[in-house]
Amino acid sequence: REELLGKAGTAVMITFMKGAHAGANAVSGDFSLESKGFLVEDGKIVRAVEEITVAGNFFQMLKDITAVANDLKVNVEDGASCCGAPTVLVSGLAIAGA
């Protein structure tokens, strides 16, 4: 993850997104989701950001992955389902808000 932060320059590290059931189109791939995370400048975390909106297209986002870290983390949501992913560096997403 640290190596990816160094490559990112000025970026936003997204740590949480919500509303995929309402803010994503499964056919077109377009999404606009409430998110939170951290502002990154010169490879270092500067401050937390909350109540931001991240928008883009899922299929294009897959094409815009520039690096993947070796830090897979899986979260068990409710004892019956889980979700996980490594840290991924992506270019081209629109970010609005604080």
PDB file of N, CA and C in Angstrom:
ATOM      1  N   ARG A   1       0.825  -1.197   0.000  1.00  0.00           N
ATOM      2  CA  ARG A   1       0.000   0.000   0.000  1.00  0.00           C
ATOM      3  C   ARG A   1       0.867   1.257   0.000  1.00  0.00           C
ATOM      4  N   GLU A   2       1.930   1.261   0.775  1.00  0.00           N
ATOM      5  CA  GLU A   2       2.790   2.448   0.847  1.00  0.00           C
ATOM      6  C   GLU A   2       3.385   2.777  -0.520  1.00  0.00           C
ATOM      7  N   GLU A   3       3.759   1.759  -1.276  1.00  0.00           N
ATOM      8  CA  GLU A   3       4.316   1.980  -2.609  1.00  0.00           C
ATOM      9  C   GLU A   3       3.273   2.612  -3.536  1.00  0.00           C
ATOM     10  N   LEU A   4       2.026   2.169  -3.428  1.00  0.00           N
ATOM     11  CA  LEU A   4       0.955   2.749  -4.235  1.00  0.00           C
ATOM     12  C   LEU A   4       0.704   4.200  -3.858  1.00  0.00           C
ATOM     13  N   LEU A   5       0.743   4.507  -2.562  1.00  0.00           N
ATOM     14  CA  LEU A   5       0.564   5.893  -2.124  1.00  0.00           C
ATOM     15  C   LEU A   5       1.653   6.777  -2.719  1.00  0.00           C
ATOM     16  N   GLY A   6       2.876   6.261  -2.763  1.00  0.00           N
ATOM     17  CA  GLY A   6       3.979   7.016  -3.342  1.00  0.00           C
ATOM     18  C   GLY A   6       3.779   7.289  -4.824  1.00  0.00           C
ATOM     19  N   LYS A   7       3.182   6.343  -5.532  1.00  0.00           N
ATOM     20  CA  LYS A   7       2.916   6.510  -6.960  1.00  0.00           C
ATOM     21  C   LYS A   7       1.744   7.450  -7.220  1.00  0.00           C
ATOM     22  N   ALA A   8       0.873   7.606  -6.231  1.00  0.00           N
ATOM     23  CA  ALA A   8      -0.379   8.338  -6.431  1.00  0.00           C
ATOM     24  C   ALA A   8      -0.190   9.841  -6.561  1.00  0.00           C
ATOM     25  N   GLY A   9       0.871  10.403  -5.977  1.00  0.00           N
ATOM     26  CA  GLY A   9       1.027  11.857  -5.994  1.00  0.00           C
ATOM     27  C   GLY A   9      -0.055  12.498  -5.147  1.00  0.00           C
ATOM     28  N   THR A  10      -0.880  13.345  -5.752  1.00  0.00           N
ATOM     29  CA  THR A  10      -2.039  13.914  -5.064  1.00  0.00           C
ATOM     30  C   THR A  10      -3.253  13.086  -5.454  1.00  0.00           C
ATOM     31  N   ALA A  11      -3.937  12.544  -4.447  1.00  0.00           N
ATOM     32  CA  ALA A  11      -5.040  11.618  -4.714  1.00  0.00           C
ATOM     33  C   ALA A  11      -5.952  11.539  -3.503  1.00  0.00           C
ATOM     34  N   VAL A  12      -7.025  10.796  -3.648  1.00  0.00           N
ATOM     35  CA  VAL A  12      -7.898  10.473  -2.532  1.00  0.00           C
ATOM     36  C   VAL A  12      -7.894   8.961  -2.372  1.00  0.00           C
ATOM     37  N   MET A  13      -7.567   8.501  -1.174  1.00  0.00           N
ATOM     38  CA  MET A  13      -7.619   7.076  -0.867  1.00  0.00           C
ATOM     39  C   MET A  13      -9.010   6.787  -0.304  1.00  0.00           C
ATOM     40  N   ILE A  14      -9.812   6.056  -1.065  1.00  0.00           N
ATOM     41  CA  ILE A  14     -11.181   5.739  -0.664  1.00  0.00           C
ATOM     42  C   ILE A  14     -11.147   4.524   0.257  1.00  0.00           C
ATOM     43  N   THR A  15     -11.748   4.668   1.436  1.00  0.00           N
ATOM     44  CA  THR A  15     -11.785   3.558   2.393  1.00  0.00           C
ATOM     45  C   THR A  15     -13.187   3.011   2.604  1.00  0.00           C
ATOM     46  N   PHE A  16     -14.215   3.750   2.145  1.00  0.00           N
ATOM     47  CA  PHE A  16     -15.592   3.303   2.354  1.00  0.00           C
ATOM     48  C   PHE A  16     -16.494   3.927   1.302  1.00  0.00           C
ATOM     49  N   MET A  17     -17.354   3.107   0.714  1.00  0.00           N
ATOM     50  CA  MET A  17     -18.369   3.587  -0.229  1.00  0.00           C
ATOM     51  C   MET A  17     -19.698   2.979   0.177  1.00  0.00           C
ATOM     52  N   LYS A  18     -20.771   3.750   0.016  1.00  0.00           N
ATOM     53  CA  LYS A  18     -22.080   3.182   0.326  1.00  0.00           C
ATOM     54  C   LYS A  18     -23.101   3.621  -0.710  1.00  0.00           C
ATOM     55  N   GLY A  19     -24.179   2.856  -0.784  1.00  0.00           N
ATOM     56  CA  GLY A  19     -25.271   3.200  -1.674  1.00  0.00           C
ATOM     57  C   GLY A  19     -25.212   2.557  -3.037  1.00  0.00           C
ATOM     58  N   ALA A  20     -24.425   1.484  -3.188  1.00  0.00           N
ATOM     59  CA  ALA A  20     -24.312   0.837  -4.498  1.00  0.00           C
ATOM     60  C   ALA A  20     -25.662   0.332  -4.999  1.00  0.00           C
ATOM     61  N   HIS A  21     -26.551  -0.027  -4.083  1.00  0.00           N
ATOM     62  CA  HIS A  21     -27.873  -0.513  -4.492  1.00  0.00           C
ATOM     63  C   HIS A  21     -28.690   0.579  -5.171  1.00  0.00           C
ATOM     64  N   ALA A  22     -28.404   1.838  -4.862  1.00  0.00           N
ATOM     65  CA  ALA A  22     -29.170   2.939  -5.437  1.00  0.00           C
ATOM     66  C   ALA A  22     -28.343   3.815  -6.367  1.00  0.00           C
ATOM     67  N   GLY A  23     -27.020   3.830  -6.191  1.00  0.00           N
ATOM     68  CA  GLY A  23     -26.181   4.761  -6.929  1.00  0.00           C
ATOM     69  C   GLY A  23     -25.368   4.148  -8.043  1.00  0.00           C
ATOM     70  N   ALA A  24     -25.698   2.905  -8.431  1.00  0.00           N
ATOM     71  CA  ALA A  24     -24.942   2.255  -9.496  1.00  0.00           C
ATOM     72  C   ALA A  24     -25.895   1.613 -10.496  1.00  0.00           C
ATOM     73  N   ASN A  25     -25.557   1.709 -11.767  1.00  0.00           N
ATOM     74  CA  ASN A  25     -26.344   1.098 -12.823  1.00  0.00           C
ATOM     75  C   ASN A  25     -25.618  -0.161 -13.274  1.00  0.00           C
ATOM     76  N   ALA A  26     -26.205  -1.314 -13.006  1.00  0.00           N
ATOM     77  CA  ALA A  26     -25.554  -2.594 -13.303  1.00  0.00           C
ATOM     78  C   ALA A  26     -25.405  -2.844 -14.801  1.00  0.00           C
ATOM     79  N   VAL A  27     -26.198  -2.197 -15.629  1.00  0.00           N
ATOM     80  CA  VAL A  27     -26.124  -2.399 -17.073  1.00  0.00           C
ATOM     81  C   VAL A  27     -25.053  -1.505 -17.692  1.00  0.00           C
ATOM     82  N   SER A  28     -25.122  -0.204 -17.423  1.00  0.00           N
ATOM     83  CA  SER A  28     -24.171   0.732 -18.034  1.00  0.00           C
ATOM     84  C   SER A  28     -22.829   0.765 -17.309  1.00  0.00           C
ATOM     85  N   GLY A  29     -22.840   0.440 -16.001  1.00  0.00           N
ATOM     86  CA  GLY A  29     -21.628   0.513 -15.193  1.00  0.00           C
ATOM     87  C   GLY A  29     -21.415   1.862 -14.534  1.00  0.00           C
ATOM     88  N   ASP A  30     -22.260   2.828 -14.844  1.00  0.00           N
ATOM     89  CA  ASP A  30     -22.121   4.158 -14.242  1.00  0.00           C
ATOM     90  C   ASP A  30     -22.454   4.112 -12.756  1.00  0.00           C
ATOM     91  N   PHE A  31     -21.692   4.870 -11.961  1.00  0.00           N
ATOM     92  CA  PHE A  31     -21.965   4.930 -10.529  1.00  0.00           C
ATOM     93  C   PHE A  31     -21.642   6.313  -9.986  1.00  0.00           C
ATOM     94  N   SER A  32     -22.309   6.644  -8.900  1.00  0.00           N
ATOM     95  CA  SER A  32     -22.065   7.864  -8.138  1.00  0.00           C
ATOM     96  C   SER A  32     -22.385   7.511  -6.695  1.00  0.00           C
ATOM     97  N   LEU A  33     -21.344   7.402  -5.861  1.00  0.00           N
ATOM     98  CA  LEU A  33     -21.516   6.850  -4.521  1.00  0.00           C
ATOM     99  C   LEU A  33     -20.937   7.758  -3.440  1.00  0.00           C
ATOM    100  N   GLU A  34     -21.663   7.852  -2.338  1.00  0.00           N
ATOM    101  CA  GLU A  34     -21.151   8.560  -1.169  1.00  0.00           C
ATOM    102  C   GLU A  34     -19.964   7.770  -0.634  1.00  0.00           C
ATOM    103  N   SER A  35     -18.892   8.476  -0.307  1.00  0.00           N
ATOM    104  CA  SER A  35     -17.657   7.812   0.100  1.00  0.00           C
ATOM    105  C   SER A  35     -16.946   8.599   1.189  1.00  0.00           C
ATOM    106  N   LYS A  36     -15.936   7.973   1.763  1.00  0.00           N
ATOM    107  CA  LYS A  36     -15.028   8.668   2.671  1.00  0.00           C
ATOM    108  C   LYS A  36     -13.656   8.028   2.543  1.00  0.00           C
ATOM    109  N   GLY A  37     -12.645   8.733   3.039  1.00  0.00           N
ATOM    110  CA  GLY A  37     -11.288   8.228   2.931  1.00  0.00           C
ATOM    111  C   GLY A  37     -10.287   9.259   3.414  1.00  0.00           C
ATOM    112  N   PHE A  38      -9.171   9.371   2.683  1.00  0.00           N
ATOM    113  CA  PHE A  38      -8.093  10.263   3.087  1.00  0.00           C
ATOM    114  C   PHE A  38      -7.514  10.988   1.880  1.00  0.00           C
ATOM    115  N   LEU A  39      -7.179  12.258   2.069  1.00  0.00           N
ATOM    116  CA  LEU A  39      -6.465  13.017   1.060  1.00  0.00           C
ATOM    117  C   LEU A  39      -4.996  12.621   1.135  1.00  0.00           C
ATOM    118  N   VAL A  40      -4.397  12.341  -0.020  1.00  0.00           N
ATOM    119  CA  VAL A  40      -2.989  11.960  -0.111  1.00  0.00           C
ATOM    120  C   VAL A  40      -2.268  13.014  -0.946  1.00  0.00           C
ATOM    121  N   GLU A  41      -1.163  13.525  -0.416  1.00  0.00           N
ATOM    122  CA  GLU A  41      -0.321  14.468  -1.154  1.00  0.00           C
ATOM    123  C   GLU A  41       1.124  14.023  -1.036  1.00  0.00           C
ATOM    124  N   ASP A  42       1.822  13.990  -2.148  1.00  0.00           N
ATOM    125  CA  ASP A  42       3.219  13.549  -2.187  1.00  0.00           C
ATOM    126  C   ASP A  42       3.405  12.193  -1.514  1.00  0.00           C
ATOM    127  N   GLY A  43       2.425  11.302  -1.679  1.00  0.00           N
ATOM    128  CA  GLY A  43       2.535   9.949  -1.150  1.00  0.00           C
ATOM    129  C   GLY A  43       2.245   9.812   0.332  1.00  0.00           C
ATOM    130  N   LYS A  44       1.815  10.894   0.980  1.00  0.00           N
ATOM    131  CA  LYS A  44       1.549  10.853   2.424  1.00  0.00           C
ATOM    132  C   LYS A  44       0.101  11.232   2.706  1.00  0.00           C
ATOM    133  N   ILE A  45      -0.504  10.544   3.683  1.00  0.00           N
ATOM    134  CA  ILE A  45      -1.865  10.863   4.091  1.00  0.00           C
ATOM    135  C   ILE A  45      -1.854  12.199   4.817  1.00  0.00           C
ATOM    136  N   VAL A  46      -2.668  13.152   4.330  1.00  0.00           N
ATOM    137  CA  VAL A  46      -2.700  14.505   4.871  1.00  0.00           C
ATOM    138  C   VAL A  46      -3.844  14.682   5.858  1.00  0.00           C
ATOM    139  N   ARG A  47      -5.050  14.244   5.467  1.00  0.00           N
ATOM    140  CA  ARG A  47      -6.212  14.408   6.344  1.00  0.00           C
ATOM    141  C   ARG A  47      -7.344  13.514   5.871  1.00  0.00           C
ATOM    142  N   ALA A  48      -8.299  13.322   6.763  1.00  0.00           N
ATOM    143  CA  ALA A  48      -9.499  12.554   6.430  1.00  0.00           C
ATOM    144  C   ALA A  48     -10.432  13.396   5.566  1.00  0.00           C
ATOM    145  N   VAL A  49     -11.159  12.745   4.670  1.00  0.00           N
ATOM    146  CA  VAL A  49     -12.215  13.394   3.895  1.00  0.00           C
ATOM    147  C   VAL A  49     -13.484  12.567   4.058  1.00  0.00           C
ATOM    148  N   GLU A  50     -14.583  13.245   4.322  1.00  0.00           N
ATOM    149  CA  GLU A  50     -15.868  12.569   4.502  1.00  0.00           C
ATOM    150  C   GLU A  50     -16.916  13.250   3.646  1.00  0.00           C
ATOM    151  N   GLU A  51     -18.003  12.561   3.432  1.00  0.00           N
ATOM    152  CA  GLU A  51     -19.121  13.090   2.651  1.00  0.00           C
ATOM    153  C   GLU A  51     -18.669  13.574   1.277  1.00  0.00           C
ATOM    154  N   ILE A  52     -17.857  12.764   0.622  1.00  0.00           N
ATOM    155  CA  ILE A  52     -17.470  13.051  -0.751  1.00  0.00           C
ATOM    156  C   ILE A  52     -18.273  12.132  -1.669  1.00  0.00           C
ATOM    157  N   THR A  53     -18.346  12.497  -2.926  1.00  0.00           N
ATOM    158  CA  THR A  53     -19.008  11.664  -3.924  1.00  0.00           C
ATOM    159  C   THR A  53     -17.968  11.223  -4.938  1.00  0.00           C
ATOM    160  N   VAL A  54     -17.934   9.931  -5.204  1.00  0.00           N
ATOM    161  CA  VAL A  54     -17.038   9.370  -6.209  1.00  0.00           C
ATOM    162  C   VAL A  54     -17.912   8.876  -7.357  1.00  0.00           C
ATOM    163  N   ALA A  55     -17.601   9.317  -8.571  1.00  0.00           N
ATOM    164  CA  ALA A  55     -18.405   8.940  -9.728  1.00  0.00           C
ATOM    165  C   ALA A  55     -17.509   8.448 -10.853  1.00  0.00           C
ATOM    166  N   GLY A  56     -18.046   7.540 -11.639  1.00  0.00           N
ATOM    167  CA  GLY A  56     -17.317   7.014 -12.777  1.00  0.00           C
ATOM    168  C   GLY A  56     -18.088   5.892 -13.426  1.00  0.00           C
ATOM    169  N   ASN A  57     -17.373   5.074 -14.152  1.00  0.00           N
ATOM    170  CA  ASN A  57     -17.955   3.912 -14.806  1.00  0.00           C
ATOM    171  C   ASN A  57     -17.150   2.693 -14.398  1.00  0.00           C
ATOM    172  N   PHE A  58     -17.833   1.685 -13.884  1.00  0.00           N
ATOM    173  CA  PHE A  58     -17.159   0.499 -13.359  1.00  0.00           C
ATOM    174  C   PHE A  58     -16.277  -0.161 -14.411  1.00  0.00           C
ATOM    175  N   PHE A  59     -16.773  -0.303 -15.624  1.00  0.00           N
ATOM    176  CA  PHE A  59     -16.012  -0.989 -16.669  1.00  0.00           C
ATOM    177  C   PHE A  59     -14.775  -0.186 -17.067  1.00  0.00           C
ATOM    178  N   GLN A  60     -14.911   1.137 -17.147  1.00  0.00           N
ATOM    179  CA  GLN A  60     -13.755   1.986 -17.437  1.00  0.00           C
ATOM    180  C   GLN A  60     -12.772   1.967 -16.275  1.00  0.00           C
ATOM    181  N   MET A  61     -13.293   1.934 -15.045  1.00  0.00           N
ATOM    182  CA  MET A  61     -12.430   1.898 -13.865  1.00  0.00           C
ATOM    183  C   MET A  61     -11.516   0.671 -13.904  1.00  0.00           C
ATOM    184  N   LEU A  62     -12.051  -0.466 -14.326  1.00  0.00           N
ATOM    185  CA  LEU A  62     -11.219  -1.667 -14.429  1.00  0.00           C
ATOM    186  C   LEU A  62     -10.077  -1.455 -15.420  1.00  0.00           C
ATOM    187  N   LYS A  63     -10.340  -0.738 -16.500  1.00  0.00           N
ATOM    188  CA  LYS A  63      -9.302  -0.442 -17.492  1.00  0.00           C
ATOM    189  C   LYS A  63      -8.274   0.556 -16.967  1.00  0.00           C
ATOM    190  N   ASP A  64      -8.702   1.398 -16.004  1.00  0.00           N
ATOM    191  CA  ASP A  64      -7.843   2.464 -15.487  1.00  0.00           C
ATOM    192  C   ASP A  64      -7.054   2.074 -14.240  1.00  0.00           C
ATOM    193  N   ILE A  65      -7.051   0.790 -13.872  1.00  0.00           N
ATOM    194  CA  ILE A  65      -6.228   0.331 -12.746  1.00  0.00           C
ATOM    195  C   ILE A  65      -4.766   0.410 -13.170  1.00  0.00           C
ATOM    196  N   THR A  66      -3.963   1.131 -12.381  1.00  0.00           N
ATOM    197  CA  THR A  66      -2.549   1.286 -12.722  1.00  0.00           C
ATOM    198  C   THR A  66      -1.625   0.471 -11.826  1.00  0.00           C
ATOM    199  N   ALA A  67      -2.111   0.046 -10.651  1.00  0.00           N
ATOM    200  CA  ALA A  67      -1.294  -0.774  -9.743  1.00  0.00           C
ATOM    201  C   ALA A  67      -2.207  -1.461  -8.729  1.00  0.00           C
ATOM    202  N   VAL A  68      -1.762  -2.634  -8.256  1.00  0.00           N
ATOM    203  CA  VAL A  68      -2.497  -3.402  -7.246  1.00  0.00           C
ATOM    204  C   VAL A  68      -1.516  -3.819  -6.158  1.00  0.00           C
ATOM    205  N   ALA A  69      -1.865  -3.553  -4.900  1.00  0.00           N
ATOM    206  CA  ALA A  69      -1.003  -3.923  -3.768  1.00  0.00           C
ATOM    207  C   ALA A  69      -1.238  -5.379  -3.374  1.00  0.00           C
ATOM    208  N   ASN A  70      -0.340  -5.903  -2.581  1.00  0.00           N
ATOM    209  CA  ASN A  70      -0.422  -7.281  -2.090  1.00  0.00           C
ATOM    210  C   ASN A  70      -0.938  -7.263  -0.649  1.00  0.00           C
ATOM    211  N   ASP A  71      -2.140  -6.676  -0.441  1.00  0.00           N
ATOM    212  CA  ASP A  71      -2.659  -6.523   0.921  1.00  0.00           C
ATOM    213  C   ASP A  71      -4.153  -6.863   1.013  1.00  0.00           C
ATOM    214  N   LEU A  72      -4.553  -7.947   0.376  1.00  0.00           N
ATOM    215  CA  LEU A  72      -5.962  -8.356   0.377  1.00  0.00           C
ATOM    216  C   LEU A  72      -6.518  -8.408   1.789  1.00  0.00           C
ATOM    217  N   LYS A  73      -7.676  -7.764   1.974  1.00  0.00           N
ATOM    218  CA  LYS A  73      -8.371  -7.779   3.256  1.00  0.00           C
ATOM    219  C   LYS A  73      -9.817  -8.163   2.988  1.00  0.00           C
ATOM    220  N   VAL A  74     -10.338  -9.135   3.756  1.00  0.00           N
ATOM    221  CA  VAL A  74     -11.718  -9.586   3.599  1.00  0.00           C
ATOM    222  C   VAL A  74     -12.486  -9.247   4.867  1.00  0.00           C
ATOM    223  N   ASN A  75     -13.636  -8.604   4.705  1.00  0.00           N
ATOM    224  CA  ASN A  75     -14.508  -8.251   5.828  1.00  0.00           C
ATOM    225  C   ASN A  75     -15.754  -9.114   5.790  1.00  0.00           C
ATOM    226  N   VAL A  76     -16.111  -9.695   6.936  1.00  0.00           N
ATOM    227  CA  VAL A  76     -17.365 -10.428   7.049  1.00  0.00           C
ATOM    228  C   VAL A  76     -18.429  -9.427   7.466  1.00  0.00           C
ATOM    229  N   GLU A  77     -19.433  -9.257   6.616  1.00  0.00           N
ATOM    230  CA  GLU A  77     -20.439  -8.220   6.837  1.00  0.00           C
ATOM    231  C   GLU A  77     -21.447  -8.581   7.916  1.00  0.00           C
ATOM    232  N   ASP A  78     -22.092  -9.710   7.781  1.00  0.00           N
ATOM    233  CA  ASP A  78     -23.173 -10.060   8.701  1.00  0.00           C
ATOM    234  C   ASP A  78     -23.130 -11.520   9.124  1.00  0.00           C
ATOM    235  N   GLY A  79     -21.997 -12.138   8.983  1.00  0.00           N
ATOM    236  CA  GLY A  79     -21.859 -13.544   9.323  1.00  0.00           C
ATOM    237  C   GLY A  79     -22.233 -14.467   8.179  1.00  0.00           C
ATOM    238  N   ALA A  80     -22.908 -13.929   7.163  1.00  0.00           N
ATOM    239  CA  ALA A  80     -23.348 -14.755   6.042  1.00  0.00           C
ATOM    240  C   ALA A  80     -22.714 -14.336   4.721  1.00  0.00           C
ATOM    241  N   SER A  81     -22.166 -13.139   4.668  1.00  0.00           N
ATOM    242  CA  SER A  81     -21.550 -12.670   3.434  1.00  0.00           C
ATOM    243  C   SER A  81     -20.245 -11.953   3.750  1.00  0.00           C
ATOM    244  N   CYS A  82     -19.407 -11.849   2.741  1.00  0.00           N
ATOM    245  CA  CYS A  82     -18.139 -11.154   2.944  1.00  0.00           C
ATOM    246  C   CYS A  82     -17.767 -10.405   1.676  1.00  0.00           C
ATOM    247  N   CYS A  83     -16.842  -9.498   1.833  1.00  0.00           N
ATOM    248  CA  CYS A  83     -16.393  -8.663   0.732  1.00  0.00           C
ATOM    249  C   CYS A  83     -14.922  -8.352   0.973  1.00  0.00           C
ATOM    250  N   GLY A  84     -14.127  -8.339  -0.068  1.00  0.00           N
ATOM    251  CA  GLY A  84     -12.724  -8.025   0.134  1.00  0.00           C
ATOM    252  C   GLY A  84     -12.046  -7.556  -1.137  1.00  0.00           C
ATOM    253  N   ALA A  85     -10.934  -6.858  -0.951  1.00  0.00           N
ATOM    254  CA  ALA A  85     -10.144  -6.374  -2.076  1.00  0.00           C
ATOM    255  C   ALA A  85      -8.802  -5.879  -1.562  1.00  0.00           C
ATOM    256  N   PRO A  86      -7.791  -5.928  -2.421  1.00  0.00           N
ATOM    257  CA  PRO A  86      -6.525  -5.289  -2.062  1.00  0.00           C
ATOM    258  C   PRO A  86      -6.615  -3.791  -2.356  1.00  0.00           C
ATOM    259  N   THR A  87      -5.621  -3.046  -1.945  1.00  0.00           N
ATOM    260  CA  THR A  87      -5.524  -1.636  -2.308  1.00  0.00           C
ATOM    261  C   THR A  87      -5.249  -1.561  -3.809  1.00  0.00           C
ATOM    262  N   VAL A  88      -5.997  -0.707  -4.503  1.00  0.00           N
ATOM    263  CA  VAL A  88      -5.884  -0.586  -5.957  1.00  0.00           C
ATOM    264  C   VAL A  88      -5.719   0.892  -6.308  1.00  0.00           C
ATOM    265  N   LEU A  89      -4.770   1.199  -7.182  1.00  0.00           N
ATOM    266  CA  LEU A  89      -4.571   2.565  -7.664  1.00  0.00           C
ATOM    267  C   LEU A  89      -5.300   2.707  -8.997  1.00  0.00           C
ATOM    268  N   VAL A  90      -6.243   3.662  -9.046  1.00  0.00           N
ATOM    269  CA  VAL A  90      -7.086   3.862 -10.225  1.00  0.00           C
ATOM    270  C   VAL A  90      -7.022   5.330 -10.623  1.00  0.00           C
ATOM    271  N   SER A  91      -6.955   5.600 -11.905  1.00  0.00           N
ATOM    272  CA  SER A  91      -7.004   6.984 -12.380  1.00  0.00           C
ATOM    273  C   SER A  91      -8.361   7.244 -13.024  1.00  0.00           C
ATOM    274  N   GLY A  92      -8.730   8.512 -13.115  1.00  0.00           N
ATOM    275  CA  GLY A  92      -9.882   8.881 -13.914  1.00  0.00           C
ATOM    276  C   GLY A  92     -11.232   8.945 -13.241  1.00  0.00           C
ATOM    277  N   LEU A  93     -11.331   8.769 -11.934  1.00  0.00           N
ATOM    278  CA  LEU A  93     -12.622   8.896 -11.263  1.00  0.00           C
ATOM    279  C   LEU A  93     -12.873  10.354 -10.902  1.00  0.00           C
ATOM    280  N   ALA A  94     -14.129  10.762 -10.929  1.00  0.00           N
ATOM    281  CA  ALA A  94     -14.503  12.119 -10.523  1.00  0.00           C
ATOM    282  C   ALA A  94     -14.805  12.122  -9.033  1.00  0.00           C
ATOM    283  N   ILE A  95     -14.250  13.106  -8.319  1.00  0.00           N
ATOM    284  CA  ILE A  95     -14.459  13.211  -6.873  1.00  0.00           C
ATOM    285  C   ILE A  95     -14.930  14.623  -6.566  1.00  0.00           C
ATOM    286  N   ALA A  96     -16.021  14.710  -5.788  1.00  0.00           N
ATOM    287  CA  ALA A  96     -16.569  16.010  -5.409  1.00  0.00           C
ATOM    288  C   ALA A  96     -16.849  16.031  -3.916  1.00  0.00           C
ATOM    289  N   GLY A  97     -16.716  17.204  -3.301  1.00  0.00           N
ATOM    290  CA  GLY A  97     -17.026  17.348  -1.883  1.00  0.00           C
ATOM    291  C   GLY A  97     -15.832  17.803  -1.082  1.00  0.00           C
ATOM    292  N   ALA A  98     -15.940  17.596   0.232  1.00  0.00           N
ATOM    293  CA  ALA A  98     -14.940  18.078   1.183  1.00  0.00           C
ATOM    294  C   ALA A  98     -13.606  17.488   0.885  1.00  0.00           C
TER     295      ALA A  98
END
